[in-house]
Amino acid sequence: MTLPRIEPALRGTRVIPVLVLDDPAQAVSIGRALVAGGLPVLEVTLRTPRALACAEAIAAQVPGAIVGLGTLTRPEHFAQARDAGAKFTVSPGLTDRLAQAALASGIPYLPGTATVTEALIALEHGFSELKFFPASVAGGAPALRGMAPLLPDVRFCPTGGVRAEILRDYLSLSNVFAVGGTWLAPAEAVAQGRWDEIERLAREAAALAAAA
């Protein structure tokens, strides 16, 4: 069994905001700001009690949003993501049971890897689009540049420590199709309802990606 590829599901978007949300109403405001700023692909992480409700609220109330679920660490998470209408799923790592659950879900899946060995294991499971995580700890853009000739069939989405200042370093690599990051919705801006600031950050990131 093979899954639909995740890259086409992104519809050309190369920057994915990674969101930790626990208030559906607030989530909708954040989603609207990010979409207005040119970043419609949103990863809502399963790190809070109401993360699923937040993802569902964005999908239902933010036109143009493409909502995925991240931090899937247990097999049952994939059924929850499917039921919530997720367009893609993301894990920080990969196990046999997670691979089986992902394949059964029928949803594009981005498993996390940090080394060549982990990437080879993912390939054996049929996954060639991989999350590189935690990117800053695992060697950043130089590590991915070094992996390119070893893994010519693999494309990565680095997350973890990605910032606007190093966005081009990643997006200039031939084996990187997108990046993910939390800097696009700063905790202070969220707490104070500064949606215009989040839209500005999204617009700046979208412009950087377009120029990469």
C-alpha atoms as a PDB file:
ATOM      1  CA  MET A   1       0.000   0.000   0.000  1.00  0.00           C
ATOM      2  CA  THR A   2       1.206   3.505  -0.809  1.00  0.00           C
ATOM      3  CA  LEU A   3      -0.078   6.876   0.314  1.00  0.00           C
ATOM      4  CA  PRO A   4      -0.764  10.009  -1.716  1.00  0.00           C
ATOM      5  CA  ARG A   5       2.343  12.211  -1.774  1.00  0.00           C
ATOM      6  CA  ILE A   6       2.376  15.116   0.637  1.00  0.00           C
ATOM      7  CA  GLU A   7       4.123  17.659  -1.602  1.00  0.00           C
ATOM      8  CA  PRO A   8       1.198  17.998  -4.053  1.00  0.00           C
ATOM      9  CA  ALA A   9      -1.153  18.435  -1.077  1.00  0.00           C
ATOM     10  CA  LEU A  10       0.763  21.598  -0.152  1.00  0.00           C
ATOM     11  CA  ARG A  11      -0.191  23.212  -3.486  1.00  0.00           C
ATOM     12  CA  GLY A  12       3.106  24.982  -3.917  1.00  0.00           C
ATOM     13  CA  THR A  13       3.377  26.305  -0.365  1.00  0.00           C
ATOM     14  CA  ARG A  14       6.934  25.993   0.943  1.00  0.00           C
ATOM     15  CA  VAL A  15       6.538  27.350   4.495  1.00  0.00           C
ATOM     16  CA  ILE A  16       4.317  25.559   7.015  1.00  0.00           C
ATOM     17  CA  PRO A  17       3.440  27.255  10.304  1.00  0.00           C
ATOM     18  CA  VAL A  18       3.665  24.739  13.154  1.00  0.00           C
ATOM     19  CA  LEU A  19       1.006  25.668  15.700  1.00  0.00           C
ATOM     20  CA  VAL A  20       0.406  24.791  19.348  1.00  0.00           C
ATOM     21  CA  LEU A  21      -3.252  25.705  19.941  1.00  0.00           C
ATOM     22  CA  ASP A  22      -5.747  25.114  22.724  1.00  0.00           C
ATOM     23  CA  ASP A  23      -8.498  27.673  22.064  1.00  0.00           C
ATOM     24  CA  PRO A  24     -10.639  27.088  18.945  1.00  0.00           C
ATOM     25  CA  ALA A  25     -11.739  30.720  18.673  1.00  0.00           C
ATOM     26  CA  GLN A  26      -8.150  31.918  18.944  1.00  0.00           C
ATOM     27  CA  ALA A  27      -7.098  29.230  16.478  1.00  0.00           C
ATOM     28  CA  VAL A  28      -9.490  30.606  13.870  1.00  0.00           C
ATOM     29  CA  SER A  29      -8.040  34.109  14.257  1.00  0.00           C
ATOM     30  CA  ILE A  30      -4.500  32.772  13.885  1.00  0.00           C
ATOM     31  CA  GLY A  31      -5.500  30.699  10.875  1.00  0.00           C
ATOM     32  CA  ARG A  32      -7.117  33.677   9.166  1.00  0.00           C
ATOM     33  CA  ALA A  33      -4.014  35.808   9.745  1.00  0.00           C
ATOM     34  CA  LEU A  34      -1.666  33.155   8.344  1.00  0.00           C
ATOM     35  CA  VAL A  35      -3.819  32.475   5.296  1.00  0.00           C
ATOM     36  CA  ALA A  36      -4.160  36.218   4.653  1.00  0.00           C
ATOM     37  CA  GLY A  37      -0.373  36.437   4.828  1.00  0.00           C
ATOM     38  CA  GLY A  38       0.010  33.825   2.110  1.00  0.00           C
ATOM     39  CA  LEU A  39       0.608  30.676   4.165  1.00  0.00           C
ATOM     40  CA  PRO A  40      -2.483  28.457   3.818  1.00  0.00           C
ATOM     41  CA  VAL A  41      -0.885  25.153   4.911  1.00  0.00           C
ATOM     42  CA  LEU A  42      -1.089  24.840   8.699  1.00  0.00           C
ATOM     43  CA  GLU A  43       0.187  22.077  10.966  1.00  0.00           C
ATOM     44  CA  VAL A  44      -1.766  21.899  14.232  1.00  0.00           C
ATOM     45  CA  THR A  45       0.204  19.841  16.733  1.00  0.00           C
ATOM     46  CA  LEU A  46      -1.431  17.340  19.075  1.00  0.00           C
ATOM     47  CA  ARG A  47       0.200  18.859  22.146  1.00  0.00           C
ATOM     48  CA  THR A  48      -2.850  20.266  23.930  1.00  0.00           C
ATOM     49  CA  PRO A  49      -6.197  18.854  25.109  1.00  0.00           C
ATOM     50  CA  ARG A  50      -8.168  20.800  22.481  1.00  0.00           C
ATOM     51  CA  ALA A  51      -5.802  20.545  19.538  1.00  0.00           C
ATOM     52  CA  LEU A  52      -8.264  18.469  17.494  1.00  0.00           C
ATOM     53  CA  ALA A  53     -11.053  20.965  18.135  1.00  0.00           C
ATOM     54  CA  CYS A  54      -8.743  23.774  17.031  1.00  0.00           C
ATOM     55  CA  ALA A  55      -7.873  21.965  13.806  1.00  0.00           C
ATOM     56  CA  GLU A  56     -11.525  21.298  13.064  1.00  0.00           C
ATOM     57  CA  ALA A  57     -12.406  24.956  13.741  1.00  0.00           C
ATOM     58  CA  ILE A  58      -9.766  26.245  11.334  1.00  0.00           C
ATOM     59  CA  ALA A  59     -10.812  23.789   8.628  1.00  0.00           C
ATOM     60  CA  ALA A  60     -14.459  24.784   8.998  1.00  0.00           C
ATOM     61  CA  GLN A  61     -14.093  28.549   9.420  1.00  0.00           C
ATOM     62  CA  VAL A  62     -10.975  29.638   7.529  1.00  0.00           C
ATOM     63  CA  PRO A  63     -11.488  29.561   3.741  1.00  0.00           C
ATOM     64  CA  GLY A  64      -8.426  28.381   1.893  1.00  0.00           C
ATOM     65  CA  ALA A  65      -6.767  26.752   4.885  1.00  0.00           C
ATOM     66  CA  ILE A  66      -5.137  23.337   4.353  1.00  0.00           C
ATOM     67  CA  VAL A  67      -4.998  21.830   7.825  1.00  0.00           C
ATOM     68  CA  GLY A  68      -2.755  18.973   8.871  1.00  0.00           C
ATOM     69  CA  LEU A  69      -2.133  17.371  12.233  1.00  0.00           C
ATOM     70  CA  GLY A  70       1.319  16.982  13.733  1.00  0.00           C
ATOM     71  CA  THR A  71       3.018  15.349  16.696  1.00  0.00           C
ATOM     72  CA  LEU A  72       1.272  12.049  15.986  1.00  0.00           C
ATOM     73  CA  THR A  73       3.032   9.649  18.324  1.00  0.00           C
ATOM     74  CA  ARG A  74       0.499   6.831  18.769  1.00  0.00           C
ATOM     75  CA  PRO A  75      -1.234   4.671  16.148  1.00  0.00           C
ATOM     76  CA  GLU A  76      -4.699   5.806  17.235  1.00  0.00           C
ATOM     77  CA  HIS A  77      -3.786   9.402  16.399  1.00  0.00           C
ATOM     78  CA  PHE A  78      -4.076   8.643  12.689  1.00  0.00           C
ATOM     79  CA  ALA A  79      -7.735   7.680  12.913  1.00  0.00           C
ATOM     80  CA  GLN A  80      -8.377  10.844  14.929  1.00  0.00           C
ATOM     81  CA  ALA A  81      -6.641  12.911  12.268  1.00  0.00           C
ATOM     82  CA  ARG A  82      -8.673  11.271   9.502  1.00  0.00           C
ATOM     83  CA  ASP A  83     -11.930  11.854  11.382  1.00  0.00           C
ATOM     84  CA  ALA A  84     -10.966  15.497  11.959  1.00  0.00           C
ATOM     85  CA  GLY A  85     -10.541  15.987   8.216  1.00  0.00           C
ATOM     86  CA  ALA A  86      -6.762  16.407   8.218  1.00  0.00           C
ATOM     87  CA  LYS A  87      -5.231  16.813   4.760  1.00  0.00           C
ATOM     88  CA  PHE A  88      -1.847  15.500   5.926  1.00  0.00           C
ATOM     89  CA  THR A  89      -0.209  14.090   9.064  1.00  0.00           C
ATOM     90  CA  VAL A  90       3.215  14.546  10.657  1.00  0.00           C
ATOM     91  CA  SER A  91       5.194  12.619  13.274  1.00  0.00           C
ATOM     92  CA  PRO A  92       8.433  13.512  15.073  1.00  0.00           C
ATOM     93  CA  GLY A  93       9.728   9.968  14.430  1.00  0.00           C
ATOM     94  CA  LEU A  94       8.776   6.640  12.885  1.00  0.00           C
ATOM     95  CA  THR A  95       8.044   3.170  14.251  1.00  0.00           C
ATOM     96  CA  ASP A  96       6.619   0.050  12.626  1.00  0.00           C
ATOM     97  CA  ARG A  97       3.249   0.626  14.297  1.00  0.00           C
ATOM     98  CA  LEU A  98       3.119   4.283  13.246  1.00  0.00           C
ATOM     99  CA  ALA A  99       3.963   3.305   9.675  1.00  0.00           C
ATOM    100  CA  GLN A 100       1.168   0.733   9.620  1.00  0.00           C
ATOM    101  CA  ALA A 101      -1.365   3.199  11.059  1.00  0.00           C
ATOM    102  CA  ALA A 102      -0.296   5.880   8.599  1.00  0.00           C
ATOM    103  CA  LEU A 103      -0.706   3.552   5.634  1.00  0.00           C
ATOM    104  CA  ALA A 104      -4.137   2.472   6.874  1.00  0.00           C
ATOM    105  CA  SER A 105      -5.261   6.116   7.200  1.00  0.00           C
ATOM    106  CA  GLY A 106      -4.906   6.895   3.497  1.00  0.00           C
ATOM    107  CA  ILE A 107      -3.701  10.431   4.327  1.00  0.00           C
ATOM    108  CA  PRO A 108      -0.378  11.883   3.122  1.00  0.00           C
ATOM    109  CA  TYR A 109       2.161  11.349   5.898  1.00  0.00           C
ATOM    110  CA  LEU A 110       5.423  13.037   6.845  1.00  0.00           C
ATOM    111  CA  PRO A 111       7.409  10.868   9.283  1.00  0.00           C
ATOM    112  CA  GLY A 112      10.262  12.402  11.246  1.00  0.00           C
ATOM    113  CA  THR A 113      13.880  11.406  10.733  1.00  0.00           C
ATOM    114  CA  ALA A 114      17.187  12.874  11.885  1.00  0.00           C
ATOM    115  CA  THR A 115      19.815  10.546  10.390  1.00  0.00           C
ATOM    116  CA  VAL A 116      20.611   8.659   7.202  1.00  0.00           C
ATOM    117  CA  THR A 117      19.803   5.390   8.967  1.00  0.00           C
ATOM    118  CA  GLU A 118      16.346   6.653   9.975  1.00  0.00           C
ATOM    119  CA  ALA A 119      15.735   7.904   6.443  1.00  0.00           C
ATOM    120  CA  LEU A 120      16.648   4.472   5.039  1.00  0.00           C
ATOM    121  CA  ILE A 121      14.188   2.839   7.437  1.00  0.00           C
ATOM    122  CA  ALA A 122      11.487   5.256   6.295  1.00  0.00           C
ATOM    123  CA  LEU A 123      12.271   4.370   2.680  1.00  0.00           C
ATOM    124  CA  GLU A 124      11.873   0.680   3.509  1.00  0.00           C
ATOM    125  CA  HIS A 125       8.372   1.524   4.759  1.00  0.00           C
ATOM    126  CA  GLY A 126       7.611   3.335   1.499  1.00  0.00           C
ATOM    127  CA  PHE A 127       8.050   6.946   2.649  1.00  0.00           C
ATOM    128  CA  SER A 128      10.304   9.220   0.606  1.00  0.00           C
ATOM    129  CA  GLU A 129       9.003  12.612   1.816  1.00  0.00           C
ATOM    130  CA  LEU A 130      10.365  13.053   5.322  1.00  0.00           C
ATOM    131  CA  LYS A 131      10.421  15.522   8.153  1.00  0.00           C
ATOM    132  CA  PHE A 132      13.980  16.408   9.230  1.00  0.00           C
ATOM    133  CA  PHE A 133      13.670  16.941  12.974  1.00  0.00           C
ATOM    134  CA  PRO A 134      14.953  18.524  15.118  1.00  0.00           C
ATOM    135  CA  ALA A 135      16.671  20.292  12.259  1.00  0.00           C
ATOM    136  CA  SER A 136      18.896  22.670  14.214  1.00  0.00           C
ATOM    137  CA  VAL A 137      20.128  19.921  16.542  1.00  0.00           C
ATOM    138  CA  ALA A 138      20.570  17.348  13.743  1.00  0.00           C
ATOM    139  CA  GLY A 139      22.942  19.494  11.700  1.00  0.00           C
ATOM    140  CA  GLY A 140      20.711  21.962   9.891  1.00  0.00           C
ATOM    141  CA  ALA A 141      21.119  22.786   6.212  1.00  0.00           C
ATOM    142  CA  PRO A 142      24.690  21.404   5.994  1.00  0.00           C
ATOM    143  CA  ALA A 143      23.469  17.984   7.141  1.00  0.00           C
ATOM    144  CA  LEU A 144      20.738  17.941   4.508  1.00  0.00           C
ATOM    145  CA  ARG A 145      23.212  19.038   1.850  1.00  0.00           C
ATOM    146  CA  GLY A 146      25.404  16.099   2.818  1.00  0.00           C
ATOM    147  CA  MET A 147      22.482  13.673   2.666  1.00  0.00           C
ATOM    148  CA  ALA A 148      21.440  14.677  -0.856  1.00  0.00           C
ATOM    149  CA  PRO A 149      23.875  12.443  -2.802  1.00  0.00           C
ATOM    150  CA  LEU A 150      23.299   9.547  -0.387  1.00  0.00           C
ATOM    151  CA  LEU A 151      19.506   9.683  -0.581  1.00  0.00           C
ATOM    152  CA  PRO A 152      18.689  10.901  -4.103  1.00  0.00           C
ATOM    153  CA  ASP A 153      15.053   9.766  -3.881  1.00  0.00           C
ATOM    154  CA  VAL A 154      14.298  11.533  -0.586  1.00  0.00           C
ATOM    155  CA  ARG A 155      12.922  15.038  -0.093  1.00  0.00           C
ATOM    156  CA  PHE A 156      12.767  16.720   3.289  1.00  0.00           C
ATOM    157  CA  CYS A 157      10.759  19.247   5.279  1.00  0.00           C
ATOM    158  CA  PRO A 158      13.047  20.471   8.085  1.00  0.00           C
ATOM    159  CA  THR A 159      11.465  21.715  11.309  1.00  0.00           C
ATOM    160  CA  GLY A 160      12.803  22.480  14.750  1.00  0.00           C
ATOM    161  CA  GLY A 161      14.834  25.640  15.233  1.00  0.00           C
ATOM    162  CA  VAL A 162      13.989  27.032  11.785  1.00  0.00           C
ATOM    163  CA  ARG A 163      13.878  30.834  11.747  1.00  0.00           C
ATOM    164  CA  ALA A 164      13.219  33.468   9.117  1.00  0.00           C
ATOM    165  CA  GLU A 165      16.933  34.328   9.050  1.00  0.00           C
ATOM    166  CA  ILE A 166      17.913  30.859   7.804  1.00  0.00           C
ATOM    167  CA  LEU A 167      14.870  30.112   5.665  1.00  0.00           C
ATOM    168  CA  ARG A 168      16.741  30.551   2.386  1.00  0.00           C
ATOM    169  CA  ASP A 169      19.541  28.259   3.565  1.00  0.00           C
ATOM    170  CA  TYR A 170      17.043  25.399   3.648  1.00  0.00           C
ATOM    171  CA  LEU A 171      14.852  26.298   0.690  1.00  0.00           C
ATOM    172  CA  SER A 172      17.863  26.636  -1.619  1.00  0.00           C
ATOM    173  CA  LEU A 173      18.606  22.905  -1.183  1.00  0.00           C
ATOM    174  CA  SER A 174      17.467  20.578  -3.943  1.00  0.00           C
ATOM    175  CA  ASN A 175      16.246  17.956  -1.444  1.00  0.00           C
ATOM    176  CA  VAL A 176      14.048  20.359   0.574  1.00  0.00           C
ATOM    177  CA  PHE A 177      10.462  20.870  -0.577  1.00  0.00           C
ATOM    178  CA  ALA A 178       9.216  22.914   2.401  1.00  0.00           C
ATOM    179  CA  VAL A 179      10.116  24.021   5.915  1.00  0.00           C
ATOM    180  CA  GLY A 180       8.048  24.170   9.079  1.00  0.00           C
ATOM    181  CA  GLY A 181       8.387  26.503  12.017  1.00  0.00           C
ATOM    182  CA  THR A 182       6.795  27.944  15.120  1.00  0.00           C
ATOM    183  CA  TRP A 183       8.210  31.461  14.705  1.00  0.00           C
ATOM    184  CA  LEU A 184       5.213  32.482  12.589  1.00  0.00           C
ATOM    185  CA  ALA A 185       2.845  32.593  15.561  1.00  0.00           C
ATOM    186  CA  PRO A 186       4.874  33.902  18.523  1.00  0.00           C
ATOM    187  CA  ALA A 187       3.381  33.103  21.924  1.00  0.00           C
ATOM    188  CA  GLU A 188       3.353  36.764  22.982  1.00  0.00           C
ATOM    189  CA  ALA A 189       1.574  37.877  19.812  1.00  0.00           C
ATOM    190  CA  VAL A 190      -0.996  35.116  20.257  1.00  0.00           C
ATOM    191  CA  ALA A 191      -1.575  35.968  23.920  1.00  0.00           C
ATOM    192  CA  GLN A 192      -2.137  39.619  23.075  1.00  0.00           C
ATOM    193  CA  GLY A 193      -4.243  38.989  19.977  1.00  0.00           C
ATOM    194  CA  ARG A 194      -1.804  40.722  17.637  1.00  0.00           C
ATOM    195  CA  TRP A 195      -3.128  39.035  14.514  1.00  0.00           C
ATOM    196  CA  ASP A 196      -1.697  41.769  12.281  1.00  0.00           C
ATOM    197  CA  GLU A 197       1.796  40.845  13.470  1.00  0.00           C
ATOM    198  CA  ILE A 198       1.200  37.179  12.625  1.00  0.00           C
ATOM    199  CA  GLU A 199      -0.064  38.154   9.180  1.00  0.00           C
ATOM    200  CA  ARG A 200       3.054  40.291   8.663  1.00  0.00           C
ATOM    201  CA  LEU A 201       5.360  37.431   9.650  1.00  0.00           C
ATOM    202  CA  ALA A 202       3.511  35.131   7.274  1.00  0.00           C
ATOM    203  CA  ARG A 203       3.753  37.626   4.439  1.00  0.00           C
ATOM    204  CA  GLU A 204       7.489  38.065   5.010  1.00  0.00           C
ATOM    205  CA  ALA A 205       8.068  34.297   5.074  1.00  0.00           C
ATOM    206  CA  ALA A 206       6.007  33.796   1.913  1.00  0.00           C
ATOM    207  CA  ALA A 207       8.068  36.457   0.132  1.00  0.00           C
ATOM    208  CA  LEU A 208      11.337  34.858   1.247  1.00  0.00           C
ATOM    209  CA  ALA A 209      10.142  31.472   0.019  1.00  0.00           C
ATOM    210  CA  ALA A 210       9.113  32.905  -3.344  1.00  0.00           C
ATOM    211  CA  ALA A 211      12.578  34.414  -3.785  1.00  0.00           C
ATOM    212  CA  ALA A 212      14.482  31.272  -2.745  1.00  0.00           C
END
